[in-house]
């Protein structure tokens, strides 16, 4: 009879899957979006090369009046058209990069698989934001830098003087640091609408409209008041119907407001319709204004040395918008994942 022996069987440890690292997450994001990023980069590189080529030719020849297409267009026209390209970068990022990002996952139900494995929604979203947000900002800044060089070169060699004023929308908004703000805002806006609506087409349409509405409101209502405007007052000449002194701010200034002052220096609300009769000339018009108490004209304006500070303020405004929208997106995704 053989003794019964008890053998302890080794219990194999439970298999555990390694947590998805940040490097793997960024690589996965690149694999998923490489065609979108690569295609946008190719377009930006082509436009940048065109801008740099035109700038080089203007610098080499010393003028920007080269005729194109049967004398209908010149390098001035090319520069003005290229100045619009960076202005569209932010909205393209919002509509085609960010808006489909979360909405497509919800529509195709792939988030149920991706976010229930070894990857939390926050980590997944962070990888998308870091890689795609950095790429959008970099491409926008690069294209903006090339176009800024072109605009400066055209200004330096234009026979008619400065073609692009520092406060003109195209010249003001095309600089790289402002472009970074627009790109970050566009990306965050599209992402937030994608998370909230969960519909790709709807989020794309809303991103397009909201982006331009915000841009327009900031440019018209906020930008002129990033600082207190300077006021230049001129004596009012009733005979001439205007000022006898030519102290009007130059074309490189941002004019905020114009109006009339009385003897006490207070603004006067005048009735132009009462003065501008069909038979009234400049003298009659001027005397009518003088009868309403007008003794001075004033102009509120910003000098060109405020351009860079204003651009930095605008960068801060859109960066703050982007940060707020990203906080909303992360909170919304985390909250809806728990439901």
C-alpha atoms as a PDB file:
ATOM      1  CA  UNK A   1       0.000   0.000   0.000  1.00  0.00           C
ATOM      2  CA  UNK A   2       1.560   3.240  -1.114  1.00  0.00           C
ATOM      3  CA  UNK A   3       1.224   6.276   1.051  1.00  0.00           C
ATOM      4  CA  UNK A   4      -0.975   9.015  -0.282  1.00  0.00           C
ATOM      5  CA  UNK A   5       1.051  12.106  -1.006  1.00  0.00           C
ATOM      6  CA  UNK A   6      -0.414  15.521  -1.337  1.00  0.00           C
ATOM      7  CA  UNK A   7       1.173  17.672  -3.965  1.00  0.00           C
ATOM      8  CA  UNK A   8       0.639  21.368  -3.941  1.00  0.00           C
ATOM      9  CA  UNK A   9      -0.224  22.561  -7.299  1.00  0.00           C
ATOM     10  CA  UNK A  10       1.250  25.900  -8.223  1.00  0.00           C
ATOM     11  CA  UNK A  11      -1.441  28.402  -8.935  1.00  0.00           C
ATOM     12  CA  UNK A  12      -0.622  30.569 -11.920  1.00  0.00           C
ATOM     13  CA  UNK A  13      -0.994  34.297 -11.230  1.00  0.00           C
ATOM     14  CA  UNK A  14      -3.922  36.000 -12.867  1.00  0.00           C
ATOM     15  CA  UNK A  15      -2.961  37.596 -16.113  1.00  0.00           C
ATOM     16  CA  UNK A  16      -3.107  41.368 -16.025  1.00  0.00           C
ATOM     17  CA  UNK A  17      -2.988  43.692 -18.979  1.00  0.00           C
ATOM     18  CA  UNK A  18      -0.573  46.548 -18.879  1.00  0.00           C
ATOM     19  CA  UNK A  19      -2.066  49.993 -18.687  1.00  0.00           C
ATOM     20  CA  UNK A  20      -2.052  51.917 -21.950  1.00  0.00           C
ATOM     21  CA  UNK A  21       0.887  54.330 -21.756  1.00  0.00           C
ATOM     22  CA  UNK A  22       0.905  57.884 -22.995  1.00  0.00           C
ATOM     23  CA  UNK A  23       3.296  56.976 -25.793  1.00  0.00           C
ATOM     24  CA  UNK A  24       0.953  54.260 -27.016  1.00  0.00           C
ATOM     25  CA  UNK A  25      -1.990  56.605 -26.743  1.00  0.00           C
ATOM     26  CA  UNK A  26      -0.304  59.329 -28.782  1.00  0.00           C
ATOM     27  CA  UNK A  27       0.786  56.776 -31.382  1.00  0.00           C
ATOM     28  CA  UNK A  28      -2.781  55.478 -31.643  1.00  0.00           C
ATOM     29  CA  UNK A  29      -4.089  59.023 -32.048  1.00  0.00           C
ATOM     30  CA  UNK A  30      -1.577  59.668 -34.802  1.00  0.00           C
ATOM     31  CA  UNK A  31      -2.535  56.459 -36.593  1.00  0.00           C
ATOM     32  CA  UNK A  32      -6.207  57.400 -36.474  1.00  0.00           C
ATOM     33  CA  UNK A  33      -5.813  60.994 -37.624  1.00  0.00           C
ATOM     34  CA  UNK A  34      -2.635  60.969 -39.703  1.00  0.00           C
ATOM     35  CA  UNK A  35      -4.458  61.601 -42.976  1.00  0.00           C
ATOM     36  CA  UNK A  36      -6.340  64.596 -41.581  1.00  0.00           C
ATOM     37  CA  UNK A  37      -3.214  66.092 -40.023  1.00  0.00           C
ATOM     38  CA  UNK A  38      -1.019  65.201 -42.991  1.00  0.00           C
ATOM     39  CA  UNK A  39      -3.443  66.622 -45.537  1.00  0.00           C
ATOM     40  CA  UNK A  40      -3.806  69.872 -43.620  1.00  0.00           C
ATOM     41  CA  UNK A  41      -0.039  70.085 -43.215  1.00  0.00           C
ATOM     42  CA  UNK A  42       0.452  69.616 -46.958  1.00  0.00           C
ATOM     43  CA  UNK A  43      -1.987  72.428 -47.748  1.00  0.00           C
ATOM     44  CA  UNK A  44      -0.385  74.715 -45.172  1.00  0.00           C
ATOM     45  CA  UNK A  45       3.079  73.913 -46.523  1.00  0.00           C
ATOM     46  CA  UNK A  46       1.975  74.684 -50.075  1.00  0.00           C
ATOM     47  CA  UNK A  47       0.448  78.023 -49.114  1.00  0.00           C
ATOM     48  CA  UNK A  48       3.495  78.895 -47.014  1.00  0.00           C
ATOM     49  CA  UNK A  49       5.806  78.083 -49.932  1.00  0.00           C
ATOM     50  CA  UNK A  50       3.720  80.299 -52.223  1.00  0.00           C
ATOM     51  CA  UNK A  51       3.823  83.166 -49.717  1.00  0.00           C
ATOM     52  CA  UNK A  52       7.580  82.854 -49.261  1.00  0.00           C
ATOM     53  CA  UNK A  53       8.117  82.623 -53.025  1.00  0.00           C
ATOM     54  CA  UNK A  54       6.108  85.779 -53.715  1.00  0.00           C
ATOM     55  CA  UNK A  55       7.900  87.595 -50.869  1.00  0.00           C
ATOM     56  CA  UNK A  56      11.275  86.588 -52.317  1.00  0.00           C
ATOM     57  CA  UNK A  57      10.327  87.829 -55.801  1.00  0.00           C
ATOM     58  CA  UNK A  58       9.025  91.147 -54.463  1.00  0.00           C
ATOM     59  CA  UNK A  59      12.218  91.612 -52.444  1.00  0.00           C
ATOM     60  CA  UNK A  60      14.393  90.703 -55.439  1.00  0.00           C
ATOM     61  CA  UNK A  61      12.635  93.027 -57.888  1.00  0.00           C
ATOM     62  CA  UNK A  62      11.924  95.867 -55.475  1.00  0.00           C
ATOM     63  CA  UNK A  63       8.222  96.288 -56.261  1.00  0.00           C
ATOM     64  CA  UNK A  64       4.922  94.423 -55.891  1.00  0.00           C
ATOM     65  CA  UNK A  65       3.163  95.523 -59.079  1.00  0.00           C
ATOM     66  CA  UNK A  66       3.909  92.377 -61.063  1.00  0.00           C
ATOM     67  CA  UNK A  67       0.920  91.676 -63.296  1.00  0.00           C
ATOM     68  CA  UNK A  68      -0.789  88.303 -63.272  1.00  0.00           C
ATOM     69  CA  UNK A  69      -3.571  86.914 -65.482  1.00  0.00           C
ATOM     70  CA  UNK A  70      -3.654  89.599 -68.172  1.00  0.00           C
ATOM     71  CA  UNK A  71      -2.896  92.515 -65.839  1.00  0.00           C
ATOM     72  CA  UNK A  72      -6.047  91.893 -63.802  1.00  0.00           C
ATOM     73  CA  UNK A  73      -4.236  90.833 -60.636  1.00  0.00           C
ATOM     74  CA  UNK A  74      -0.940  91.768 -59.030  1.00  0.00           C
ATOM     75  CA  UNK A  75       1.174  90.490 -56.167  1.00  0.00           C
ATOM     76  CA  UNK A  76      -0.840  92.837 -53.960  1.00  0.00           C
ATOM     77  CA  UNK A  77      -3.899  90.774 -54.821  1.00  0.00           C
ATOM     78  CA  UNK A  78      -2.036  87.537 -54.147  1.00  0.00           C
ATOM     79  CA  UNK A  79      -0.889  88.823 -50.757  1.00  0.00           C
ATOM     80  CA  UNK A  80      -4.413  89.878 -49.826  1.00  0.00           C
ATOM     81  CA  UNK A  81      -5.803  86.490 -50.850  1.00  0.00           C
ATOM     82  CA  UNK A  82      -3.100  84.601 -48.941  1.00  0.00           C
ATOM     83  CA  UNK A  83      -3.815  86.727 -45.877  1.00  0.00           C
ATOM     84  CA  UNK A  84      -7.247  85.101 -45.756  1.00  0.00           C
ATOM     85  CA  UNK A  85      -5.808  81.572 -45.580  1.00  0.00           C
ATOM     86  CA  UNK A  86      -4.607  81.714 -41.954  1.00  0.00           C
ATOM     87  CA  UNK A  87      -7.889  83.356 -40.970  1.00  0.00           C
ATOM     88  CA  UNK A  88      -9.677  80.182 -42.089  1.00  0.00           C
ATOM     89  CA  UNK A  89      -7.367  77.776 -40.257  1.00  0.00           C
ATOM     90  CA  UNK A  90      -9.184  78.026 -36.938  1.00  0.00           C
ATOM     91  CA  UNK A  91     -12.621  77.322 -38.395  1.00  0.00           C
ATOM     92  CA  UNK A  92     -11.290  74.401 -40.459  1.00  0.00           C
ATOM     93  CA  UNK A  93      -9.782  72.895 -37.314  1.00  0.00           C
ATOM     94  CA  UNK A  94     -13.100  73.366 -35.512  1.00  0.00           C
ATOM     95  CA  UNK A  95     -15.230  71.856 -38.284  1.00  0.00           C
ATOM     96  CA  UNK A  96     -13.093  69.058 -39.713  1.00  0.00           C
ATOM     97  CA  UNK A  97     -10.728  68.125 -36.887  1.00  0.00           C
ATOM     98  CA  UNK A  98     -12.587  68.569 -33.613  1.00  0.00           C
ATOM     99  CA  UNK A  99     -16.308  68.439 -34.388  1.00  0.00           C
ATOM    100  CA  UNK A 100     -16.308  64.798 -35.611  1.00  0.00           C
ATOM    101  CA  UNK A 101     -13.911  63.612 -32.898  1.00  0.00           C
ATOM    102  CA  UNK A 102     -16.349  62.605 -30.169  1.00  0.00           C
ATOM    103  CA  UNK A 103     -19.588  62.693 -32.161  1.00  0.00           C
ATOM    104  CA  UNK A 104     -18.386  59.965 -34.506  1.00  0.00           C
ATOM    105  CA  UNK A 105     -17.439  57.738 -31.581  1.00  0.00           C
ATOM    106  CA  UNK A 106     -20.927  58.168 -30.134  1.00  0.00           C
ATOM    107  CA  UNK A 107     -22.706  57.655 -33.447  1.00  0.00           C
ATOM    108  CA  UNK A 108     -20.745  54.496 -34.281  1.00  0.00           C
ATOM    109  CA  UNK A 109     -20.951  53.268 -30.669  1.00  0.00           C
ATOM    110  CA  UNK A 110     -17.205  52.599 -30.654  1.00  0.00           C
ATOM    111  CA  UNK A 111     -16.857  54.473 -27.374  1.00  0.00           C
ATOM    112  CA  UNK A 112     -18.528  51.518 -25.649  1.00  0.00           C
ATOM    113  CA  UNK A 113     -15.577  49.354 -26.621  1.00  0.00           C
ATOM    114  CA  UNK A 114     -12.722  51.824 -26.308  1.00  0.00           C
ATOM    115  CA  UNK A 115     -13.709  53.253 -22.942  1.00  0.00           C
ATOM    116  CA  UNK A 116     -14.540  49.936 -21.280  1.00  0.00           C
ATOM    117  CA  UNK A 117     -11.149  48.305 -21.848  1.00  0.00           C
ATOM    118  CA  UNK A 118      -7.942  49.603 -20.302  1.00  0.00           C
ATOM    119  CA  UNK A 119      -8.517  53.210 -21.249  1.00  0.00           C
ATOM    120  CA  UNK A 120     -10.598  55.750 -19.387  1.00  0.00           C
ATOM    121  CA  UNK A 121     -12.463  58.467 -21.286  1.00  0.00           C
ATOM    122  CA  UNK A 122     -10.271  61.147 -19.709  1.00  0.00           C
ATOM    123  CA  UNK A 123      -7.016  59.503 -20.823  1.00  0.00           C
ATOM    124  CA  UNK A 124      -8.386  58.832 -24.295  1.00  0.00           C
ATOM    125  CA  UNK A 125      -9.548  62.428 -24.650  1.00  0.00           C
ATOM    126  CA  UNK A 126      -6.301  63.815 -23.238  1.00  0.00           C
ATOM    127  CA  UNK A 127      -4.290  62.008 -25.907  1.00  0.00           C
ATOM    128  CA  UNK A 128      -6.481  63.488 -28.647  1.00  0.00           C
ATOM    129  CA  UNK A 129      -6.292  67.000 -27.222  1.00  0.00           C
ATOM    130  CA  UNK A 130      -2.521  66.989 -26.739  1.00  0.00           C
ATOM    131  CA  UNK A 131      -1.561  65.678 -30.175  1.00  0.00           C
ATOM    132  CA  UNK A 132      -4.232  67.303 -32.328  1.00  0.00           C
ATOM    133  CA  UNK A 133      -4.263  70.583 -30.403  1.00  0.00           C
ATOM    134  CA  UNK A 134      -0.488  70.942 -30.672  1.00  0.00           C
ATOM    135  CA  UNK A 135      -0.578  70.088 -34.387  1.00  0.00           C
ATOM    136  CA  UNK A 136      -3.334  72.633 -35.055  1.00  0.00           C
ATOM    137  CA  UNK A 137      -1.484  75.380 -33.188  1.00  0.00           C
ATOM    138  CA  UNK A 138       1.807  74.594 -34.906  1.00  0.00           C
ATOM    139  CA  UNK A 139       0.372  74.544 -38.427  1.00  0.00           C
ATOM    140  CA  UNK A 140      -1.532  77.785 -37.840  1.00  0.00           C
ATOM    141  CA  UNK A 141       1.535  79.542 -36.463  1.00  0.00           C
ATOM    142  CA  UNK A 142       3.746  78.356 -39.329  1.00  0.00           C
ATOM    143  CA  UNK A 143       1.357  79.507 -42.032  1.00  0.00           C
ATOM    144  CA  UNK A 144       0.811  82.802 -40.229  1.00  0.00           C
ATOM    145  CA  UNK A 145       4.560  83.454 -40.034  1.00  0.00           C
ATOM    146  CA  UNK A 146       4.969  82.938 -43.792  1.00  0.00           C
ATOM    147  CA  UNK A 147       2.085  85.280 -44.622  1.00  0.00           C
ATOM    148  CA  UNK A 148       3.341  87.941 -42.181  1.00  0.00           C
ATOM    149  CA  UNK A 149       6.670  87.947 -44.020  1.00  0.00           C
ATOM    150  CA  UNK A 150       4.827  88.410 -47.315  1.00  0.00           C
ATOM    151  CA  UNK A 151       2.683  91.296 -46.015  1.00  0.00           C
ATOM    152  CA  UNK A 152       5.707  93.073 -44.549  1.00  0.00           C
ATOM    153  CA  UNK A 153       7.600  92.674 -47.812  1.00  0.00           C
ATOM    154  CA  UNK A 154       4.696  94.042 -49.875  1.00  0.00           C
ATOM    155  CA  UNK A 155       4.376  96.999 -47.491  1.00  0.00           C
ATOM    156  CA  UNK A 156       8.080  97.756 -47.783  1.00  0.00           C
ATOM    157  CA  UNK A 157       8.056  97.783 -51.591  1.00  0.00           C
ATOM    158  CA  UNK A 158       4.594  99.124 -52.405  1.00  0.00           C
ATOM    159  CA  UNK A 159       4.587 102.268 -54.546  1.00  0.00           C
ATOM    160  CA  UNK A 160       1.287 103.410 -53.024  1.00  0.00           C
ATOM    161  CA  UNK A 161       2.611 103.269 -49.463  1.00  0.00           C
ATOM    162  CA  UNK A 162       1.562 100.854 -46.754  1.00  0.00           C
ATOM    163  CA  UNK A 163      -0.937  98.378 -48.205  1.00  0.00           C
ATOM    164  CA  UNK A 164      -1.639  96.489 -44.987  1.00  0.00           C
ATOM    165  CA  UNK A 165      -2.133  98.652 -41.912  1.00  0.00           C
ATOM    166  CA  UNK A 166      -1.201  97.214 -38.511  1.00  0.00           C
ATOM    167  CA  UNK A 167      -4.810  97.341 -37.303  1.00  0.00           C
ATOM    168  CA  UNK A 168      -6.328  95.988 -40.534  1.00  0.00           C
ATOM    169  CA  UNK A 169      -8.076  92.712 -39.792  1.00  0.00           C
ATOM    170  CA  UNK A 170      -5.911  90.632 -42.123  1.00  0.00           C
ATOM    171  CA  UNK A 171      -2.610  92.048 -40.851  1.00  0.00           C
ATOM    172  CA  UNK A 172      -3.667  92.101 -37.183  1.00  0.00           C
ATOM    173  CA  UNK A 173      -5.038  88.560 -37.078  1.00  0.00           C
ATOM    174  CA  UNK A 174      -2.503  86.750 -39.261  1.00  0.00           C
ATOM    175  CA  UNK A 175       0.452  86.937 -36.850  1.00  0.00           C
ATOM    176  CA  UNK A 176       1.515  83.540 -35.404  1.00  0.00           C
ATOM    177  CA  UNK A 177       0.615  84.159 -31.761  1.00  0.00           C
ATOM    178  CA  UNK A 178      -2.906  85.302 -32.613  1.00  0.00           C
ATOM    179  CA  UNK A 179      -3.262  82.344 -34.980  1.00  0.00           C
ATOM    180  CA  UNK A 180      -2.378  79.990 -32.140  1.00  0.00           C
ATOM    181  CA  UNK A 181      -5.219  81.456 -30.093  1.00  0.00           C
ATOM    182  CA  UNK A 182      -7.701  81.025 -32.950  1.00  0.00           C
ATOM    183  CA  UNK A 183      -6.602  77.432 -33.576  1.00  0.00           C
ATOM    184  CA  UNK A 184      -6.882  76.455 -29.908  1.00  0.00           C
ATOM    185  CA  UNK A 185     -10.281  78.104 -29.649  1.00  0.00           C
ATOM    186  CA  UNK A 186     -11.515  76.418 -32.825  1.00  0.00           C
ATOM    187  CA  UNK A 187     -10.340  73.008 -31.646  1.00  0.00           C
ATOM    188  CA  UNK A 188     -11.881  73.405 -28.182  1.00  0.00           C
ATOM    189  CA  UNK A 189     -15.136  74.764 -29.627  1.00  0.00           C
ATOM    190  CA  UNK A 190     -15.572  71.883 -32.062  1.00  0.00           C
ATOM    191  CA  UNK A 191     -14.707  69.358 -29.367  1.00  0.00           C
ATOM    192  CA  UNK A 192     -17.191  70.807 -26.875  1.00  0.00           C
ATOM    193  CA  UNK A 193     -20.020  70.858 -29.415  1.00  0.00           C
ATOM    194  CA  UNK A 194     -19.093  67.333 -30.473  1.00  0.00           C
ATOM    195  CA  UNK A 195     -19.392  66.114 -26.880  1.00  0.00           C
ATOM    196  CA  UNK A 196     -22.667  67.898 -26.164  1.00  0.00           C
ATOM    197  CA  UNK A 197     -24.567  67.206 -29.408  1.00  0.00           C
ATOM    198  CA  UNK A 198     -23.173  63.712 -30.162  1.00  0.00           C
ATOM    199  CA  UNK A 199     -24.058  64.358 -33.812  1.00  0.00           C
ATOM    200  CA  UNK A 200     -21.310  64.841 -36.369  1.00  0.00           C
ATOM    201  CA  UNK A 201     -23.110  66.987 -38.937  1.00  0.00           C
ATOM    202  CA  UNK A 202     -24.827  69.091 -36.290  1.00  0.00           C
ATOM    203  CA  UNK A 203     -21.618  69.760 -34.387  1.00  0.00           C
ATOM    204  CA  UNK A 204     -19.812  70.662 -37.630  1.00  0.00           C
ATOM    205  CA  UNK A 205     -22.502  73.164 -38.601  1.00  0.00           C
ATOM    206  CA  UNK A 206     -22.664  74.724 -35.162  1.00  0.00           C
ATOM    207  CA  UNK A 207     -18.870  74.965 -34.982  1.00  0.00           C
ATOM    208  CA  UNK A 208     -18.768  76.863 -38.265  1.00  0.00           C
ATOM    209  CA  UNK A 209     -21.432  79.360 -37.221  1.00  0.00           C
ATOM    210  CA  UNK A 210     -20.407  79.893 -33.600  1.00  0.00           C
ATOM    211  CA  UNK A 211     -16.732  80.355 -34.543  1.00  0.00           C
ATOM    212  CA  UNK A 212     -17.452  83.268 -36.865  1.00  0.00           C
ATOM    213  CA  UNK A 213     -20.011  84.808 -34.508  1.00  0.00           C
ATOM    214  CA  UNK A 214     -17.491  84.852 -31.648  1.00  0.00           C
ATOM    215  CA  UNK A 215     -14.724  86.150 -33.907  1.00  0.00           C
ATOM    216  CA  UNK A 216     -16.947  88.953 -35.137  1.00  0.00           C
ATOM    217  CA  UNK A 217     -18.136  89.957 -31.673  1.00  0.00           C
ATOM    218  CA  UNK A 218     -14.618  90.035 -30.223  1.00  0.00           C
ATOM    219  CA  UNK A 219     -13.240  92.043 -33.156  1.00  0.00           C
ATOM    220  CA  UNK A 220     -16.028  94.628 -33.131  1.00  0.00           C
ATOM    221  CA  UNK A 221     -16.982  94.919 -29.460  1.00  0.00           C
ATOM    222  CA  UNK A 222     -13.883  93.967 -27.455  1.00  0.00           C
ATOM    223  CA  UNK A 223     -10.782  94.661 -29.538  1.00  0.00           C
ATOM    224  CA  UNK A 224     -11.248  98.463 -29.762  1.00  0.00           C
ATOM    225  CA  UNK A 225     -11.438  98.610 -25.959  1.00  0.00           C
ATOM    226  CA  UNK A 226      -8.503  96.449 -24.895  1.00  0.00           C
ATOM    227  CA  UNK A 227      -7.126  99.785 -23.683  1.00  0.00           C
ATOM    228  CA  UNK A 228      -8.581 103.261 -23.211  1.00  0.00           C
ATOM    229  CA  UNK A 229      -8.457 105.070 -26.574  1.00  0.00           C
ATOM    230  CA  UNK A 230      -6.503 108.279 -26.966  1.00  0.00           C
ATOM    231  CA  UNK A 231      -8.616 111.343 -27.731  1.00  0.00           C
ATOM    232  CA  UNK A 232      -7.491 114.004 -30.199  1.00  0.00           C
ATOM    233  CA  UNK A 233      -9.570 117.207 -30.243  1.00  0.00           C
ATOM    234  CA  UNK A 234      -9.588 119.760 -33.078  1.00  0.00           C
ATOM    235  CA  UNK A 235     -11.199 123.206 -33.273  1.00  0.00           C
ATOM    236  CA  UNK A 236     -14.418 123.244 -35.278  1.00  0.00           C
ATOM    237  CA  UNK A 237     -14.620 125.758 -38.120  1.00  0.00           C
ATOM    238  CA  UNK A 238     -18.274 126.559 -38.954  1.00  0.00           C
ATOM    239  CA  UNK A 239     -17.326 128.135 -42.282  1.00  0.00           C
ATOM    240  CA  UNK A 240     -15.548 125.009 -43.508  1.00  0.00           C
ATOM    241  CA  UNK A 241     -18.026 122.674 -41.851  1.00  0.00           C
ATOM    242  CA  UNK A 242     -15.159 120.828 -40.210  1.00  0.00           C
ATOM    243  CA  UNK A 243     -11.769 121.360 -38.617  1.00  0.00           C
ATOM    244  CA  UNK A 244      -9.272 123.919 -39.822  1.00  0.00           C
ATOM    245  CA  UNK A 245      -6.394 121.824 -38.446  1.00  0.00           C
ATOM    246  CA  UNK A 246      -5.212 118.617 -40.066  1.00  0.00           C
ATOM    247  CA  UNK A 247      -4.459 116.488 -37.004  1.00  0.00           C
ATOM    248  CA  UNK A 248      -6.495 113.465 -38.019  1.00  0.00           C
ATOM    249  CA  UNK A 249      -4.797 110.166 -36.989  1.00  0.00           C
ATOM    250  CA  UNK A 250      -2.897 108.422 -39.760  1.00  0.00           C
ATOM    251  CA  UNK A 251      -4.066 105.276 -41.581  1.00  0.00           C
ATOM    252  CA  UNK A 252      -2.016 103.086 -39.244  1.00  0.00           C
ATOM    253  CA  UNK A 253      -4.191 104.109 -36.261  1.00  0.00           C
ATOM    254  CA  UNK A 254      -7.317 102.286 -35.120  1.00  0.00           C
ATOM    255  CA  UNK A 255     -10.147 104.831 -35.049  1.00  0.00           C
ATOM    256  CA  UNK A 256     -12.717 103.933 -32.397  1.00  0.00           C
ATOM    257  CA  UNK A 257     -15.081 106.886 -32.428  1.00  0.00           C
ATOM    258  CA  UNK A 258     -15.524 110.409 -33.814  1.00  0.00           C
ATOM    259  CA  UNK A 259     -17.833 113.136 -32.627  1.00  0.00           C
ATOM    260  CA  UNK A 260     -18.315 116.689 -31.403  1.00  0.00           C
ATOM    261  CA  UNK A 261     -17.559 118.553 -28.166  1.00  0.00           C
ATOM    262  CA  UNK A 262     -19.089 121.680 -26.661  1.00  0.00           C
ATOM    263  CA  UNK A 263     -17.284 124.490 -24.876  1.00  0.00           C
ATOM    264  CA  UNK A 264     -17.195 122.482 -21.632  1.00  0.00           C
ATOM    265  CA  UNK A 265     -15.514 119.529 -23.359  1.00  0.00           C
ATOM    266  CA  UNK A 266     -18.584 117.307 -23.152  1.00  0.00           C
ATOM    267  CA  UNK A 267     -19.768 115.249 -26.093  1.00  0.00           C
ATOM    268  CA  UNK A 268     -22.617 116.745 -28.090  1.00  0.00           C
ATOM    269  CA  UNK A 269     -25.328 114.713 -29.764  1.00  0.00           C
ATOM    270  CA  UNK A 270     -26.075 116.611 -32.970  1.00  0.00           C
ATOM    271  CA  UNK A 271     -28.917 116.232 -35.447  1.00  0.00           C
ATOM    272  CA  UNK A 272     -27.321 115.732 -38.859  1.00  0.00           C
ATOM    273  CA  UNK A 273     -30.671 115.365 -40.597  1.00  0.00           C
ATOM    274  CA  UNK A 274     -31.756 118.833 -39.461  1.00  0.00           C
ATOM    275  CA  UNK A 275     -28.562 120.386 -40.825  1.00  0.00           C
ATOM    276  CA  UNK A 276     -28.176 118.405 -44.051  1.00  0.00           C
ATOM    277  CA  UNK A 277     -30.954 120.056 -46.079  1.00  0.00           C
ATOM    278  CA  UNK A 278     -30.962 119.736 -49.882  1.00  0.00           C
ATOM    279  CA  UNK A 279     -29.904 123.397 -50.389  1.00  0.00           C
ATOM    280  CA  UNK A 280     -27.350 123.610 -47.579  1.00  0.00           C
ATOM    281  CA  UNK A 281     -23.665 123.890 -48.380  1.00  0.00           C
ATOM    282  CA  UNK A 282     -20.653 123.305 -46.099  1.00  0.00           C
ATOM    283  CA  UNK A 283     -21.000 126.746 -44.501  1.00  0.00           C
ATOM    284  CA  UNK A 284     -24.707 126.376 -43.730  1.00  0.00           C
ATOM    285  CA  UNK A 285     -24.082 122.863 -42.418  1.00  0.00           C
ATOM    286  CA  UNK A 286     -21.239 124.085 -40.205  1.00  0.00           C
ATOM    287  CA  UNK A 287     -23.254 126.983 -38.785  1.00  0.00           C
ATOM    288  CA  UNK A 288     -26.125 124.604 -38.027  1.00  0.00           C
ATOM    289  CA  UNK A 289     -23.747 122.431 -35.991  1.00  0.00           C
ATOM    290  CA  UNK A 290     -22.312 125.485 -34.258  1.00  0.00           C
ATOM    291  CA  UNK A 291     -25.839 126.518 -33.276  1.00  0.00           C
ATOM    292  CA  UNK A 292     -26.130 123.151 -31.504  1.00  0.00           C
ATOM    293  CA  UNK A 293     -23.109 124.002 -29.346  1.00  0.00           C
ATOM    294  CA  UNK A 294     -20.317 122.342 -31.342  1.00  0.00           C
ATOM    295  CA  UNK A 295     -16.906 123.969 -30.834  1.00  0.00           C
ATOM    296  CA  UNK A 296     -14.571 121.006 -31.350  1.00  0.00           C
ATOM    297  CA  UNK A 297     -14.259 117.738 -33.241  1.00  0.00           C
ATOM    298  CA  UNK A 298     -12.764 114.701 -31.511  1.00  0.00           C
ATOM    299  CA  UNK A 299     -11.307 111.385 -32.616  1.00  0.00           C
ATOM    300  CA  UNK A 300     -10.801 108.426 -30.256  1.00  0.00           C
ATOM    301  CA  UNK A 301      -8.052 106.180 -31.589  1.00  0.00           C
ATOM    302  CA  UNK A 302      -5.250 103.742 -30.809  1.00  0.00           C
ATOM    303  CA  UNK A 303      -1.698 104.393 -32.077  1.00  0.00           C
ATOM    304  CA  UNK A 304       0.226 101.645 -33.895  1.00  0.00           C
ATOM    305  CA  UNK A 305       2.519 100.988 -30.911  1.00  0.00           C
ATOM    306  CA  UNK A 306      -0.453  99.260 -29.256  1.00  0.00           C
ATOM    307  CA  UNK A 307      -0.727  96.583 -31.936  1.00  0.00           C
ATOM    308  CA  UNK A 308       1.469  93.955 -30.261  1.00  0.00           C
ATOM    309  CA  UNK A 309      -0.085  94.420 -26.778  1.00  0.00           C
ATOM    310  CA  UNK A 310      -3.540  94.154 -28.350  1.00  0.00           C
ATOM    311  CA  UNK A 311      -2.514  90.976 -30.160  1.00  0.00           C
ATOM    312  CA  UNK A 312      -1.277  89.468 -26.909  1.00  0.00           C
ATOM    313  CA  UNK A 313      -4.548  90.389 -25.213  1.00  0.00           C
ATOM    314  CA  UNK A 314      -6.453  88.717 -28.048  1.00  0.00           C
ATOM    315  CA  UNK A 315      -4.296  85.611 -27.651  1.00  0.00           C
ATOM    316  CA  UNK A 316      -5.179  85.584 -23.957  1.00  0.00           C
ATOM    317  CA  UNK A 317      -8.888  86.005 -24.689  1.00  0.00           C
ATOM    318  CA  UNK A 318      -9.061  83.055 -27.069  1.00  0.00           C
ATOM    319  CA  UNK A 319      -6.799  80.916 -24.904  1.00  0.00           C
ATOM    320  CA  UNK A 320      -9.167  81.535 -21.984  1.00  0.00           C
ATOM    321  CA  UNK A 321     -12.119  80.599 -24.216  1.00  0.00           C
ATOM    322  CA  UNK A 322     -10.323  77.404 -25.233  1.00  0.00           C
ATOM    323  CA  UNK A 323      -9.469  76.491 -21.638  1.00  0.00           C
ATOM    324  CA  UNK A 324     -13.066  76.971 -20.533  1.00  0.00           C
ATOM    325  CA  UNK A 325     -14.419  74.877 -23.398  1.00  0.00           C
ATOM    326  CA  UNK A 326     -11.935  72.070 -22.692  1.00  0.00           C
ATOM    327  CA  UNK A 327     -12.932  72.020 -19.025  1.00  0.00           C
ATOM    328  CA  UNK A 328     -16.551  71.785 -20.112  1.00  0.00           C
ATOM    329  CA  UNK A 329     -15.749  68.958 -22.537  1.00  0.00           C
ATOM    330  CA  UNK A 330     -13.842  66.852 -20.010  1.00  0.00           C
ATOM    331  CA  UNK A 331     -16.530  67.386 -17.374  1.00  0.00           C
ATOM    332  CA  UNK A 332     -19.307  66.505 -19.831  1.00  0.00           C
ATOM    333  CA  UNK A 333     -17.620  63.346 -21.122  1.00  0.00           C
ATOM    334  CA  UNK A 334     -16.809  62.156 -17.613  1.00  0.00           C
ATOM    335  CA  UNK A 335     -20.323  62.865 -16.412  1.00  0.00           C
ATOM    336  CA  UNK A 336     -22.058  61.163 -19.350  1.00  0.00           C
ATOM    337  CA  UNK A 337     -19.765  58.125 -19.031  1.00  0.00           C
ATOM    338  CA  UNK A 338     -21.032  57.582 -15.491  1.00  0.00           C
ATOM    339  CA  UNK A 339     -24.682  57.678 -16.562  1.00  0.00           C
END
